[in-house]
Protein backbone atom coordinates (compact mmCIF):
# COMPACT_ATOMS: atom_id res chain seq x y z
CA MET A 1 -198.04 55.94 -143.75
CA SER A 2 -199.41 59.43 -143.04
CA LYS A 3 -198.72 61.06 -139.80
CA THR A 4 -201.67 63.32 -138.12
CA LYS A 5 -199.95 66.48 -137.76
CA LYS A 6 -202.89 68.46 -135.87
CA ILE A 7 -205.92 67.68 -133.95
CA LEU A 8 -208.80 69.68 -134.16
CA LEU A 9 -212.18 69.88 -132.19
CA THR A 10 -215.36 70.91 -134.08
CA ASP A 11 -217.64 73.48 -132.96
CA LYS A 12 -219.87 71.11 -131.25
CA GLN A 13 -217.33 69.48 -129.63
CA MET A 14 -215.86 72.87 -127.94
CA PRO A 15 -215.86 73.08 -124.08
CA THR A 16 -219.25 75.07 -122.62
CA ARG A 17 -217.51 75.54 -119.12
CA TRP A 18 -214.39 76.84 -117.33
CA TYR A 19 -212.84 74.65 -114.80
CA ASN A 20 -212.46 75.84 -111.62
CA ILE A 21 -209.48 74.61 -109.69
CA VAL A 22 -210.03 75.89 -106.55
CA ALA A 23 -212.82 73.41 -105.84
CA ASP A 24 -210.35 70.23 -105.99
CA MET A 25 -207.49 72.11 -104.02
CA LYS A 26 -206.84 70.92 -100.44
CA ASN A 27 -205.20 73.77 -99.65
CA ARG A 28 -207.17 76.96 -101.03
CA PRO A 29 -205.75 79.98 -101.44
CA LEU A 30 -205.63 82.49 -98.74
CA PRO A 31 -208.35 85.22 -99.11
CA PRO A 32 -206.72 88.90 -100.62
CA LEU A 33 -206.99 91.51 -97.88
CA ASN A 34 -208.06 95.13 -97.87
CA PRO A 35 -204.70 96.76 -97.44
CA LYS A 36 -206.15 99.34 -94.78
CA THR A 37 -208.27 96.53 -92.63
CA LYS A 38 -206.07 93.83 -93.18
CA LYS A 39 -209.39 91.75 -93.51
CA PRO A 40 -210.51 89.81 -96.08
CA VAL A 41 -211.76 91.84 -99.39
CA THR A 42 -215.24 92.09 -99.47
CA LYS A 43 -217.37 91.84 -102.82
CA GLU A 44 -218.61 95.30 -102.02
CA GLU A 45 -215.09 96.50 -101.75
CA MET A 46 -214.14 94.71 -105.12
CA SER A 47 -217.24 96.24 -106.93
CA VAL A 48 -215.67 99.50 -107.38
CA ILE A 49 -213.03 98.19 -109.67
CA PHE A 50 -214.51 94.91 -111.36
CA ALA A 51 -218.02 94.00 -112.94
CA GLU A 52 -220.05 91.98 -110.27
CA GLU A 53 -220.13 88.87 -112.20
CA LEU A 54 -216.36 88.92 -112.48
CA ILE A 55 -216.06 89.08 -108.49
CA ASP A 56 -218.75 85.98 -108.07
CA GLN A 57 -216.04 84.18 -110.16
CA GLU A 58 -213.17 85.25 -108.44
CA MET A 59 -214.72 84.04 -105.21
CA SER A 60 -216.25 80.80 -106.70
CA THR A 61 -215.51 77.23 -105.27
CA GLU A 62 -217.82 75.52 -107.96
CA ARG A 63 -215.81 73.13 -109.91
CA TYR A 64 -217.30 74.43 -113.43
CA ILE A 65 -218.52 77.73 -114.62
CA ASP A 66 -221.00 77.74 -117.74
CA ILE A 67 -219.29 79.94 -120.68
CA PRO A 68 -222.44 82.16 -121.59
CA GLU A 69 -223.74 81.35 -125.31
CA GLN A 70 -222.70 84.91 -126.32
CA VAL A 71 -218.97 84.39 -125.24
CA GLN A 72 -219.13 80.99 -127.26
CA ASP A 73 -220.35 82.22 -130.20
CA VAL A 74 -217.46 84.94 -130.16
CA TYR A 75 -214.82 82.23 -129.12
CA LYS A 76 -215.79 80.30 -132.51
CA ILE A 77 -214.14 83.10 -134.46
CA TRP A 78 -211.00 80.94 -133.69
CA ARG A 79 -211.52 78.33 -130.94
CA SER A 80 -210.86 75.43 -130.87
CA THR A 81 -207.38 76.05 -131.50
CA PRO A 82 -204.95 73.39 -132.67
CA LEU A 83 -203.20 70.74 -130.87
CA THR A 84 -200.15 69.96 -132.82
CA ARG A 85 -197.22 67.43 -132.69
CA ALA A 86 -194.06 68.82 -133.45
CA TYR A 87 -192.56 65.96 -135.50
CA ALA A 88 -189.73 68.06 -137.12
CA LEU A 89 -188.66 69.60 -133.90
CA GLU A 90 -188.34 66.16 -132.38
CA LYS A 91 -186.28 65.26 -135.50
CA ALA A 92 -183.82 67.78 -134.86
CA LEU A 93 -183.38 67.08 -131.30
CA ASP A 94 -182.93 63.50 -131.94
CA THR A 95 -185.27 62.86 -129.08
CA PRO A 96 -187.36 59.92 -128.05
CA ALA A 97 -189.84 62.42 -126.37
CA LYS A 98 -193.03 63.06 -128.08
CA ILE A 99 -193.48 67.04 -128.36
CA TYR A 100 -196.67 68.74 -128.51
CA PHE A 101 -198.11 71.89 -128.45
CA LYS A 102 -200.89 74.07 -128.03
CA ASN A 103 -201.22 76.41 -130.57
CA GLU A 104 -202.97 79.82 -129.07
CA SER A 105 -201.62 82.08 -131.69
CA THR A 106 -204.45 81.46 -133.65
CA SER A 107 -206.43 83.82 -132.16
CA PRO A 108 -207.41 87.66 -133.99
CA ALA A 109 -205.00 89.11 -131.42
CA GLY A 110 -202.47 86.42 -132.03
CA SER A 111 -202.21 85.12 -128.72
CA HIS A 112 -204.38 83.53 -125.79
CA LYS A 113 -205.66 86.54 -124.24
CA PRO A 114 -208.79 86.88 -125.99
CA ASN A 115 -210.08 83.97 -123.99
CA THR A 116 -210.43 86.22 -120.76
CA ALA A 117 -210.82 89.38 -122.77
CA ILE A 118 -213.99 88.19 -124.49
CA PRO A 119 -215.87 87.24 -121.29
CA GLN A 120 -214.93 89.99 -119.39
CA ALA A 121 -216.34 92.63 -121.57
CA TYR A 122 -219.15 90.53 -121.88
CA TYR A 123 -219.77 90.80 -118.46
CA ASN A 124 -219.27 94.31 -118.00
CA HIS A 125 -221.39 95.06 -121.25
CA LYS A 126 -224.05 93.09 -119.61
CA GLN A 127 -223.85 95.27 -116.42
CA GLY A 128 -224.16 98.63 -118.43
CA ILE A 129 -220.50 99.66 -117.97
CA LYS A 130 -219.50 102.19 -120.96
CA HIS A 131 -215.78 102.70 -120.33
CA LEU A 132 -212.92 100.03 -119.50
CA THR A 133 -209.33 101.07 -118.15
CA THR A 134 -206.29 98.23 -118.39
CA GLU A 135 -202.73 97.79 -118.87
CA THR A 136 -200.71 95.52 -120.80
CA GLY A 137 -197.09 94.84 -120.92
CA GLY A 138 -195.56 93.28 -124.24
CA GLY A 139 -198.96 94.40 -125.78
CA GLN A 140 -200.86 91.09 -125.97
CA TRP A 141 -203.34 91.74 -123.39
CA GLY A 142 -204.13 94.97 -124.73
CA THR A 143 -204.55 93.62 -128.03
CA ALA A 144 -206.98 91.11 -127.08
CA ILE A 145 -209.01 93.42 -124.58
CA ALA A 146 -208.92 96.23 -127.36
CA PHE A 147 -210.68 93.27 -129.93
CA ALA A 148 -213.02 92.43 -127.37
CA SER A 149 -214.39 96.08 -126.17
CA GLN A 150 -215.15 96.98 -129.79
CA TYR A 151 -216.91 93.86 -130.13
CA PHE A 152 -219.18 94.55 -127.17
CA ASP A 153 -219.06 98.64 -127.98
CA LEU A 154 -217.21 99.55 -124.76
CA ASP A 155 -214.49 102.80 -124.53
CA LEU A 156 -210.76 101.39 -124.04
CA LYS A 157 -207.81 103.00 -122.22
CA VAL A 158 -204.76 101.24 -122.25
CA PHE A 159 -201.81 101.94 -120.21
CA MET A 160 -198.88 100.44 -121.76
CA VAL A 161 -195.37 99.72 -120.26
CA LYS A 162 -193.48 102.42 -121.79
CA VAL A 163 -190.19 100.35 -122.84
CA SER A 164 -192.85 98.26 -124.66
CA TYR A 165 -194.81 100.87 -125.93
CA ASN A 166 -191.35 102.19 -127.69
CA GLN A 167 -190.52 98.69 -128.63
CA LYS A 168 -193.83 97.55 -129.95
CA PRO A 169 -195.28 100.35 -132.04
CA TYR A 170 -197.36 97.60 -134.05
CA ARG A 171 -199.21 96.43 -131.04
CA LYS A 172 -200.22 100.02 -130.15
CA LEU A 173 -201.45 100.06 -133.53
CA MET A 174 -203.51 96.86 -133.42
CA MET A 175 -204.93 98.61 -130.47
CA ASN A 176 -205.56 101.53 -132.46
CA ALA A 177 -207.23 99.61 -135.09
CA TRP A 178 -210.01 98.40 -132.60
CA GLY A 179 -210.50 101.83 -131.26
CA ALA A 180 -208.22 101.85 -127.94
CA ASP A 181 -206.39 105.06 -126.80
CA VAL A 182 -203.05 103.53 -125.89
CA ILE A 183 -201.25 105.70 -123.22
CA PRO A 184 -197.60 105.20 -122.36
CA SER A 185 -196.82 104.22 -118.57
CA PRO A 186 -195.77 106.05 -116.61
CA SER A 187 -197.87 108.88 -117.80
CA THR A 188 -198.90 112.39 -116.79
CA LEU A 189 -202.64 111.40 -116.49
CA THR A 190 -202.71 109.93 -113.13
CA GLN A 191 -200.79 110.83 -110.11
CA ALA A 192 -199.13 107.58 -109.93
CA GLY A 193 -197.60 108.10 -113.16
CA ARG A 194 -197.08 111.59 -112.08
CA ASP A 195 -195.11 110.44 -108.86
CA MET A 196 -193.06 107.70 -110.44
CA LEU A 197 -191.93 110.37 -113.35
CA ALA A 198 -190.93 112.80 -110.61
CA LYS A 199 -188.71 110.38 -108.60
CA ASP A 200 -187.27 108.80 -111.93
CA PRO A 201 -187.95 110.75 -115.33
CA ASP A 202 -186.64 108.42 -117.61
CA CYS A 203 -188.35 105.33 -115.99
CA SER A 204 -189.11 102.65 -118.55
CA GLY A 205 -192.35 101.52 -116.49
CA SER A 206 -193.44 98.27 -115.19
CA LEU A 207 -196.71 96.03 -115.38
CA GLY A 208 -197.29 97.12 -111.83
CA LEU A 209 -197.22 100.51 -112.46
CA ALA A 210 -199.26 100.37 -115.40
CA ILE A 211 -202.01 98.47 -113.36
CA SER A 212 -201.83 101.53 -110.84
CA GLU A 213 -202.34 103.90 -113.83
CA ALA A 214 -205.35 101.86 -114.78
CA VAL A 215 -207.05 101.46 -111.58
CA GLU A 216 -206.72 104.75 -110.73
CA MET A 217 -208.17 106.07 -113.99
CA ALA A 218 -211.20 103.47 -113.22
CA VAL A 219 -211.99 104.22 -109.66
CA LYS A 220 -212.42 108.26 -110.48
CA ASP A 221 -216.24 107.33 -112.31
CA PRO A 222 -216.85 103.81 -111.07
CA GLU A 223 -220.16 103.91 -111.92
CA THR A 224 -219.59 103.85 -115.57
CA THR A 225 -215.95 102.72 -115.69
CA LYS A 226 -214.05 99.41 -114.58
CA TYR A 227 -210.79 97.79 -114.75
CA CYS A 228 -209.78 94.68 -116.25
CA LEU A 229 -206.52 92.74 -116.49
CA GLY A 230 -205.35 89.91 -118.32
CA SER A 231 -203.54 87.92 -115.66
CA VAL A 232 -203.11 86.97 -111.92
CA LEU A 233 -207.02 86.99 -110.65
CA ASN A 234 -208.72 83.53 -110.47
CA HIS A 235 -211.37 84.58 -113.04
CA VAL A 236 -208.65 85.49 -115.40
CA LEU A 237 -207.14 82.20 -114.97
CA LEU A 238 -210.46 80.50 -114.98
CA HIS A 239 -211.62 81.51 -118.27
CA GLN A 240 -208.18 80.60 -119.83
CA THR A 241 -208.66 77.07 -118.64
CA ILE A 242 -210.65 76.50 -122.01
CA ILE A 243 -207.15 76.12 -123.25
CA GLY A 244 -206.61 72.78 -121.23
CA GLU A 245 -210.14 71.54 -121.21
CA GLU A 246 -209.46 71.53 -125.25
CA ALA A 247 -206.14 69.89 -124.94
CA VAL A 248 -207.31 67.07 -122.57
CA MET A 249 -209.98 66.19 -125.42
CA GLN A 250 -207.19 66.54 -128.00
CA MET A 251 -204.45 64.20 -126.27
CA GLU A 252 -207.38 61.58 -125.80
CA MET A 253 -208.15 61.49 -129.37
CA ALA A 254 -204.53 61.20 -130.13
CA GLY A 255 -203.95 58.30 -127.82
CA ASP A 256 -201.77 59.66 -125.69
CA MET A 257 -201.08 61.71 -122.37
CA PRO A 258 -198.65 64.04 -121.57
CA ASP A 259 -196.01 63.59 -118.76
CA ILE A 260 -195.05 67.17 -118.73
CA VAL A 261 -197.27 70.10 -119.16
CA ILE A 262 -195.35 73.50 -119.85
CA GLY A 263 -196.41 77.22 -119.77
CA CYS A 264 -194.43 80.44 -119.47
CA PHE A 265 -195.02 82.71 -116.80
CA GLY A 266 -195.70 86.35 -116.09
CA GLY A 267 -198.65 86.36 -113.83
CA GLY A 268 -200.17 82.97 -114.73
CA SER A 269 -202.83 82.83 -117.14
CA ASN A 270 -201.57 80.99 -120.09
CA PHE A 271 -199.82 78.86 -117.60
CA ALA A 272 -203.10 78.30 -115.76
CA GLY A 273 -204.86 77.51 -119.00
CA ILE A 274 -202.83 75.01 -120.53
CA GLY A 275 -201.84 73.40 -116.72
CA PHE A 276 -205.07 73.36 -114.58
CA PRO A 277 -206.99 70.93 -116.56
CA PHE A 278 -204.08 68.46 -116.40
CA LEU A 279 -203.65 68.97 -112.66
CA LYS A 280 -207.18 68.08 -111.62
CA GLU A 281 -205.95 64.51 -113.42
CA LYS A 282 -203.18 65.02 -110.48
CA LEU A 283 -205.56 66.29 -107.86
CA THR A 284 -208.54 63.94 -107.99
CA LYS A 285 -207.11 60.67 -109.35
CA GLY A 286 -203.17 60.84 -108.52
CA THR A 287 -202.22 60.92 -111.94
CA ASP A 288 -198.23 61.21 -111.91
CA ILE A 289 -197.63 64.48 -114.20
CA ARG A 290 -195.58 67.33 -114.24
CA VAL A 291 -196.63 70.60 -114.46
CA ILE A 292 -193.91 73.25 -114.92
CA ALA A 293 -193.81 77.29 -114.90
CA VAL A 294 -191.09 78.97 -116.88
CA GLU A 295 -190.41 82.46 -116.00
CA PRO A 296 -187.23 84.82 -117.12
CA ALA A 297 -184.15 84.37 -115.14
CA SER A 298 -184.60 88.41 -114.77
CA CYS A 299 -188.06 88.53 -113.34
CA PRO A 300 -188.03 85.28 -111.16
CA LYS A 301 -190.48 85.52 -108.38
CA LEU A 302 -191.29 81.82 -108.23
CA THR A 303 -188.07 80.54 -108.48
CA ARG A 304 -186.43 83.09 -105.94
CA GLY A 305 -189.05 84.93 -104.59
CA ILE A 306 -190.80 84.84 -101.41
CA PHE A 307 -194.71 83.53 -100.64
CA HIS A 308 -195.97 86.96 -99.12
CA TYR A 309 -199.05 88.83 -99.25
CA ASP A 310 -198.19 92.03 -101.69
CA PHE A 311 -199.79 94.41 -103.63
CA GLY A 312 -200.70 93.57 -107.07
CA ASP A 313 -199.37 97.11 -108.39
CA THR A 314 -196.44 99.61 -107.64
CA ALA A 315 -198.60 102.39 -106.10
CA GLY A 316 -200.98 100.00 -103.73
CA PHE A 317 -204.16 100.54 -105.09
CA THR A 318 -205.03 96.67 -105.33
CA PRO A 319 -205.99 94.52 -102.38
CA LEU A 320 -203.23 92.36 -100.79
CA ILE A 321 -202.76 89.00 -102.35
CA PRO A 322 -201.01 85.91 -101.02
CA MET A 323 -198.33 85.32 -103.72
CA TYR A 324 -194.80 84.66 -104.10
CA THR A 325 -193.29 88.15 -105.00
CA LEU A 326 -189.94 89.95 -105.62
CA GLY A 327 -191.98 92.92 -104.09
CA HIS A 328 -194.29 95.37 -105.56
CA ASN A 329 -191.33 97.76 -105.64
CA PHE A 330 -189.41 95.44 -107.78
CA GLN A 331 -188.19 97.12 -111.69
CA PRO A 332 -187.74 94.43 -113.91
CA ALA A 333 -184.84 94.30 -116.53
CA ASP A 334 -186.03 95.65 -120.00
CA ILE A 335 -186.33 92.38 -121.53
CA HIS A 336 -188.20 91.64 -124.79
CA ALA A 337 -190.76 89.13 -123.17
CA GLY A 338 -192.42 92.31 -121.71
CA GLY A 339 -195.75 90.27 -120.85
CA LEU A 340 -193.61 88.26 -118.00
CA ARG A 341 -192.08 91.66 -116.28
CA TYR A 342 -194.08 91.06 -113.75
CA HIS A 343 -193.21 91.19 -110.00
CA GLY A 344 -195.50 88.57 -108.46
CA ALA A 345 -197.61 85.18 -109.16
CA GLY A 346 -201.54 84.76 -108.74
CA ALA A 347 -202.39 83.54 -105.33
CA ILE A 348 -203.93 80.00 -106.96
CA VAL A 349 -200.58 79.26 -108.73
CA SER A 350 -198.67 80.60 -105.74
CA GLN A 351 -200.43 78.15 -103.69
CA LEU A 352 -199.95 75.32 -105.86
CA LEU A 353 -196.47 75.82 -106.18
CA LYS A 354 -195.95 76.42 -102.09
CA ASP A 355 -197.64 72.60 -101.75
CA GLY A 356 -195.46 71.31 -104.28
CA LEU A 357 -198.18 70.57 -106.84
CA ILE A 358 -196.40 72.50 -109.67
CA GLU A 359 -192.64 73.35 -110.56
CA ALA A 360 -190.83 76.50 -111.56
CA GLN A 361 -187.99 76.98 -113.73
CA SER A 362 -186.22 80.18 -114.90
CA VAL A 363 -184.57 80.92 -118.26
CA PRO A 364 -181.96 83.28 -119.37
CA GLN A 365 -183.15 85.50 -122.19
CA LEU A 366 -180.63 84.28 -124.93
CA GLU A 367 -181.96 80.80 -124.14
CA THR A 368 -185.00 81.66 -125.05
CA PHE A 369 -184.77 83.41 -128.39
CA ALA A 370 -182.19 80.45 -129.69
CA ALA A 371 -184.92 77.88 -128.52
CA GLY A 372 -187.63 80.16 -130.07
CA LEU A 373 -185.70 80.23 -133.36
CA THR A 374 -184.84 76.50 -133.12
CA PHE A 375 -188.81 76.04 -133.39
CA ALA A 376 -189.33 78.88 -136.12
CA LYS A 377 -186.68 76.86 -138.06
CA THR A 378 -188.48 73.46 -137.65
CA GLU A 379 -192.28 74.40 -136.94
CA GLY A 380 -192.50 77.40 -139.31
CA ILE A 381 -193.98 79.53 -136.31
CA ILE A 382 -191.93 82.47 -135.24
CA PRO A 383 -192.94 82.40 -131.68
CA ALA A 384 -193.87 85.28 -129.31
CA PRO A 385 -190.48 86.02 -126.81
CA GLU A 386 -192.99 85.13 -124.17
CA SER A 387 -193.73 81.69 -125.55
CA THR A 388 -190.21 80.93 -126.30
CA HIS A 389 -189.95 80.56 -122.54
CA ALA A 390 -192.02 77.53 -122.74
CA ILE A 391 -189.89 76.22 -125.87
CA ALA A 392 -186.80 76.37 -123.94
CA VAL A 393 -187.90 74.20 -121.29
CA ALA A 394 -189.47 71.72 -123.59
CA ILE A 395 -186.15 71.39 -125.73
CA ARG A 396 -184.47 70.94 -122.10
CA GLU A 397 -186.97 68.17 -121.18
CA ALA A 398 -186.59 66.45 -124.58
CA LEU A 399 -182.67 66.57 -124.38
CA LYS A 400 -182.94 64.89 -120.61
CA ALA A 401 -185.13 62.18 -122.35
CA ARG A 402 -182.46 61.48 -125.22
CA GLU A 403 -179.81 61.10 -122.17
CA GLU A 404 -182.02 59.15 -120.03
CA GLY A 405 -183.09 57.22 -123.48
CA LYS A 406 -186.57 57.34 -122.08
CA SER A 407 -189.82 58.35 -124.16
CA LYS A 408 -191.48 61.28 -122.67
CA THR A 409 -194.63 62.96 -123.53
CA ILE A 410 -194.11 66.81 -123.54
CA LEU A 411 -196.93 69.13 -123.95
CA PHE A 412 -196.33 72.97 -123.80
CA ASN A 413 -198.53 76.06 -124.62
CA LEU A 414 -197.53 78.48 -127.68
CA SER A 415 -199.09 81.32 -126.23
CA GLY A 416 -198.83 83.41 -129.00
CA HIS A 417 -196.85 84.17 -132.10
CA GLY A 418 -193.97 86.77 -132.49
CA MET A 419 -194.83 88.46 -136.14
CA ILE A 420 -195.62 91.89 -133.84
CA ASP A 421 -192.26 90.88 -132.22
CA LEU A 422 -189.61 90.84 -134.69
CA PHE A 423 -187.57 93.90 -133.33
CA ALA A 424 -186.82 91.52 -130.77
CA TYR A 425 -185.31 89.14 -133.16
CA GLU A 426 -183.44 91.69 -135.16
CA GLN A 427 -181.66 93.08 -131.82
CA TYR A 428 -181.09 89.18 -131.36
CA PHE A 429 -179.20 88.73 -134.57
CA ALA A 430 -177.77 92.25 -133.91
CA GLY A 431 -176.26 90.69 -131.17
CA LYS A 432 -177.87 93.41 -128.85
CA LEU A 433 -179.35 91.29 -126.28
CA GLN A 434 -177.90 90.05 -123.17
CA ASN A 435 -178.81 87.96 -120.18
CA TYR A 436 -179.40 89.79 -117.02
CA ASP A 437 -177.65 88.48 -113.69
CA LEU A 438 -179.77 89.75 -111.02
CA PRO A 439 -178.01 90.23 -107.67
CA ASP A 440 -179.50 88.68 -104.75
CA SER A 441 -178.82 91.85 -103.02
CA VAL A 442 -181.44 93.72 -105.43
CA ILE A 443 -184.32 91.30 -104.94
CA ARG A 444 -183.66 91.40 -100.86
CA ALA A 445 -183.70 95.02 -100.96
CA SER A 446 -187.16 94.95 -102.75
CA ILE A 447 -188.58 92.25 -100.57
CA GLU A 448 -187.38 94.02 -97.00
CA GLU A 449 -189.53 96.82 -98.29
CA LEU A 450 -192.66 94.84 -97.84
CA ASP A 451 -194.85 94.84 -94.75
CA THR A 452 -193.50 92.29 -92.56
CA ILE A 453 -196.45 92.21 -90.32
CA ILE A 454 -198.68 90.39 -93.33
CA LYS A 455 -197.39 87.09 -93.88
């Protein structure tokens, strides 16, 4: 009897609403604070940086928010994405576990990031904004917002973390193909960049610093220019929940429901996208389900950071966000999973972890690449370095099920493919990659620089 490999939804079945988990949280996230007044940030203050409708979504406590028809129309270029049963991976692991993955690599940008890039570009276009600025780490977000910006005729400047700019030239070329101007960060175009280069001329950059440069550029002309970002904030996580909303329907069509849901973790967008709609079952019905965020061992804010108000960027331009953080001055190692090299976690994810509603695990770099290759050899898809973190923990859990002799259903988010990241695999094959042993003293020194008055 032929097995069903993948489950798809028709255009008519595609979700028409995003899910806002804040509505179902007993302990809602603490508000972001103005760093000068230490009071909750107002909509007026945030409007200097963001489009107004995005701010409304950021502050919303409504359970569902309608997806505009224009956004749905663009989504239909690639959505819904397949829910795929990883039969070959299960066989290779000799596990009784059933493994599914949501394949977000099928988007034009090759990752989940267009799920929020499209609405962000749409709302800015609707407001009459002409120019956008943003940052990107591994390049997935940069390519997504470049794709979205050209669709809504917006000019875009992307500050790309310098180590990734050099490691991933084809990501830059994708952004160029969609009309974006890509600048290695730190740069000489902003005061934040110049200050860092004066301090460290060889600085390889970080997401926090790239955010500082993009925000600084945006606030110079707030009437025509706004800033967009691909993770961390509530409205970004909200847009990504279309992943999980689809997956819930697809799992029901498969006659199954996951015991474990897994997503890699940088700032929280793809993790929230796959995890929040399943957490809804836990929050509203008491369903027993584990939701696991997986981060690099070299940038372990969830597993080794502290819960504290901190800046979302290095220079201190953003509001103070209640988050698990390693400190905004933390300089992560130059791992190839560039999209995960971020010092903090979003406020919603941080509160959920604080309340014990989700779990966090960290994985060393070499284990992630080994897991990625196992997946490529069995399921045929070469995953992005970021996605290999989710795969690694899915494999861990599948092997644990084998040891326990228990059948479990595991779902992970394949956040993107690695076809533009083959240099990373080349380095792995050549034995040039390594695990990074992050000393407690480095984390402690970075955290001690935080304002201890605000906790």
